[in-house]
Amino acid sequence: MWGAGSEADNADMYALNLGSRQILFLGNAPGYSRPTIAQDSDAVMVPVTNGMKAVSFRVGMLD
């Protein structure tokens, strides 16, 4: 998984399936593009930003 971190530009986030080599676009979050995946499962937390409001997270499973 990767994103731009705290950058405002290029804030897209992605996950790479190492088996199939497919890249999954997770979204973008300018200012906080730091997706997180669980160590022991495919659960993922994707940050959602909305201007100057606090960051929230969308939680789900990678397919």
C-alpha atoms as a PDB file:
ATOM      1  CA  MET A   1       0.000   0.000   0.000  1.00  0.00           C
ATOM      2  CA  TRP A   2       1.180   3.476  -0.623  1.00  0.00           C
ATOM      3  CA  GLY A   3       0.088   7.084  -0.670  1.00  0.00           C
ATOM      4  CA  ALA A   4       1.702  10.525  -0.577  1.00  0.00           C
ATOM      5  CA  GLY A   5       1.598  10.831   3.220  1.00  0.00           C
ATOM      6  CA  SER A   6       0.975  14.405   4.323  1.00  0.00           C
ATOM      7  CA  GLU A   7       1.373  15.969   0.880  1.00  0.00           C
ATOM      8  CA  ALA A   8      -1.453  17.922  -0.718  1.00  0.00           C
ATOM      9  CA  ASP A   9      -0.425  17.018  -4.286  1.00  0.00           C
ATOM     10  CA  ASN A  10      -0.597  13.538  -5.824  1.00  0.00           C
ATOM     11  CA  ALA A  11      -2.708  12.310  -2.899  1.00  0.00           C
ATOM     12  CA  ASP A  12      -3.870   9.082  -4.565  1.00  0.00           C
ATOM     13  CA  MET A  13      -3.593   5.837  -2.568  1.00  0.00           C
ATOM     14  CA  TYR A  14      -3.019   2.349  -3.951  1.00  0.00           C
ATOM     15  CA  ALA A  15      -2.655  -1.276  -2.890  1.00  0.00           C
ATOM     16  CA  LEU A  16      -0.577  -3.828  -4.816  1.00  0.00           C
ATOM     17  CA  ASN A  17      -1.619  -7.479  -4.883  1.00  0.00           C
ATOM     18  CA  LEU A  18       1.740  -9.264  -4.888  1.00  0.00           C
ATOM     19  CA  GLY A  19       0.246 -12.504  -6.226  1.00  0.00           C
ATOM     20  CA  SER A  20      -1.543 -11.114  -9.263  1.00  0.00           C
ATOM     21  CA  ARG A  21       0.550  -7.920  -9.573  1.00  0.00           C
ATOM     22  CA  GLN A  22      -2.688  -5.921  -9.875  1.00  0.00           C
ATOM     23  CA  ILE A  23      -2.866  -2.389  -8.513  1.00  0.00           C
ATOM     24  CA  LEU A  24      -6.054  -1.282  -6.751  1.00  0.00           C
ATOM     25  CA  PHE A  25      -6.874   2.424  -6.496  1.00  0.00           C
ATOM     26  CA  LEU A  26      -8.110   3.156  -2.943  1.00  0.00           C
ATOM     27  CA  GLY A  27      -9.009   6.829  -3.350  1.00  0.00           C
ATOM     28  CA  ASN A  28      -7.288  10.089  -2.509  1.00  0.00           C
ATOM     29  CA  ALA A  29      -6.949  12.118   0.663  1.00  0.00           C
ATOM     30  CA  PRO A  30      -5.044  15.388   0.222  1.00  0.00           C
ATOM     31  CA  GLY A  31      -3.067  16.133   3.370  1.00  0.00           C
ATOM     32  CA  TYR A  32      -3.405  12.635   4.874  1.00  0.00           C
ATOM     33  CA  SER A  33      -3.059   9.895   2.254  1.00  0.00           C
ATOM     34  CA  ARG A  34      -1.802   7.114   4.555  1.00  0.00           C
ATOM     35  CA  PRO A  35      -3.757   3.896   4.005  1.00  0.00           C
ATOM     36  CA  THR A  36      -3.203   1.104   6.543  1.00  0.00           C
ATOM     37  CA  ILE A  37      -3.600  -2.657   6.147  1.00  0.00           C
ATOM     38  CA  ALA A  38      -3.873  -5.169   8.989  1.00  0.00           C
ATOM     39  CA  GLN A  39      -0.857  -7.380   9.581  1.00  0.00           C
ATOM     40  CA  ASP A  40      -2.806 -10.649   9.708  1.00  0.00           C
ATOM     41  CA  SER A  41      -5.681 -10.098   7.258  1.00  0.00           C
ATOM     42  CA  ASP A  42      -6.796  -8.061   4.243  1.00  0.00           C
ATOM     43  CA  ALA A  43      -8.596  -5.469   6.389  1.00  0.00           C
ATOM     44  CA  VAL A  44      -7.762  -1.937   5.296  1.00  0.00           C
ATOM     45  CA  MET A  45      -8.338   1.555   6.702  1.00  0.00           C
ATOM     46  CA  VAL A  46      -8.457   4.275   4.062  1.00  0.00           C
ATOM     47  CA  PRO A  47      -8.434   7.907   5.233  1.00  0.00           C
ATOM     48  CA  VAL A  48     -11.096  10.291   3.951  1.00  0.00           C
ATOM     49  CA  THR A  49     -10.472  14.035   4.069  1.00  0.00           C
ATOM     50  CA  ASN A  50     -12.933  16.877   3.681  1.00  0.00           C
ATOM     51  CA  GLY A  51     -11.197  20.232   3.671  1.00  0.00           C
ATOM     52  CA  MET A  52     -10.325  21.414   7.174  1.00  0.00           C
ATOM     53  CA  LYS A  53     -12.500  18.844   8.999  1.00  0.00           C
ATOM     54  CA  ALA A  54     -10.949  15.959  10.957  1.00  0.00           C
ATOM     55  CA  VAL A  55      -9.831  12.909   8.983  1.00  0.00           C
ATOM     56  CA  SER A  56     -12.221   9.957   9.054  1.00  0.00           C
ATOM     57  CA  PHE A  57     -11.537   6.399   7.895  1.00  0.00           C
ATOM     58  CA  ARG A  58     -13.328   3.985   5.584  1.00  0.00           C
ATOM     59  CA  VAL A  59     -12.747   0.423   6.805  1.00  0.00           C
ATOM     60  CA  GLY A  60     -13.135  -2.622   4.583  1.00  0.00           C
ATOM     61  CA  MET A  61     -11.531  -5.715   3.100  1.00  0.00           C
ATOM     62  CA  LEU A  62      -9.302  -5.905   0.033  1.00  0.00           C
ATOM     63  CA  ASP A  63     -10.551  -8.318  -2.644  1.00  0.00           C
END
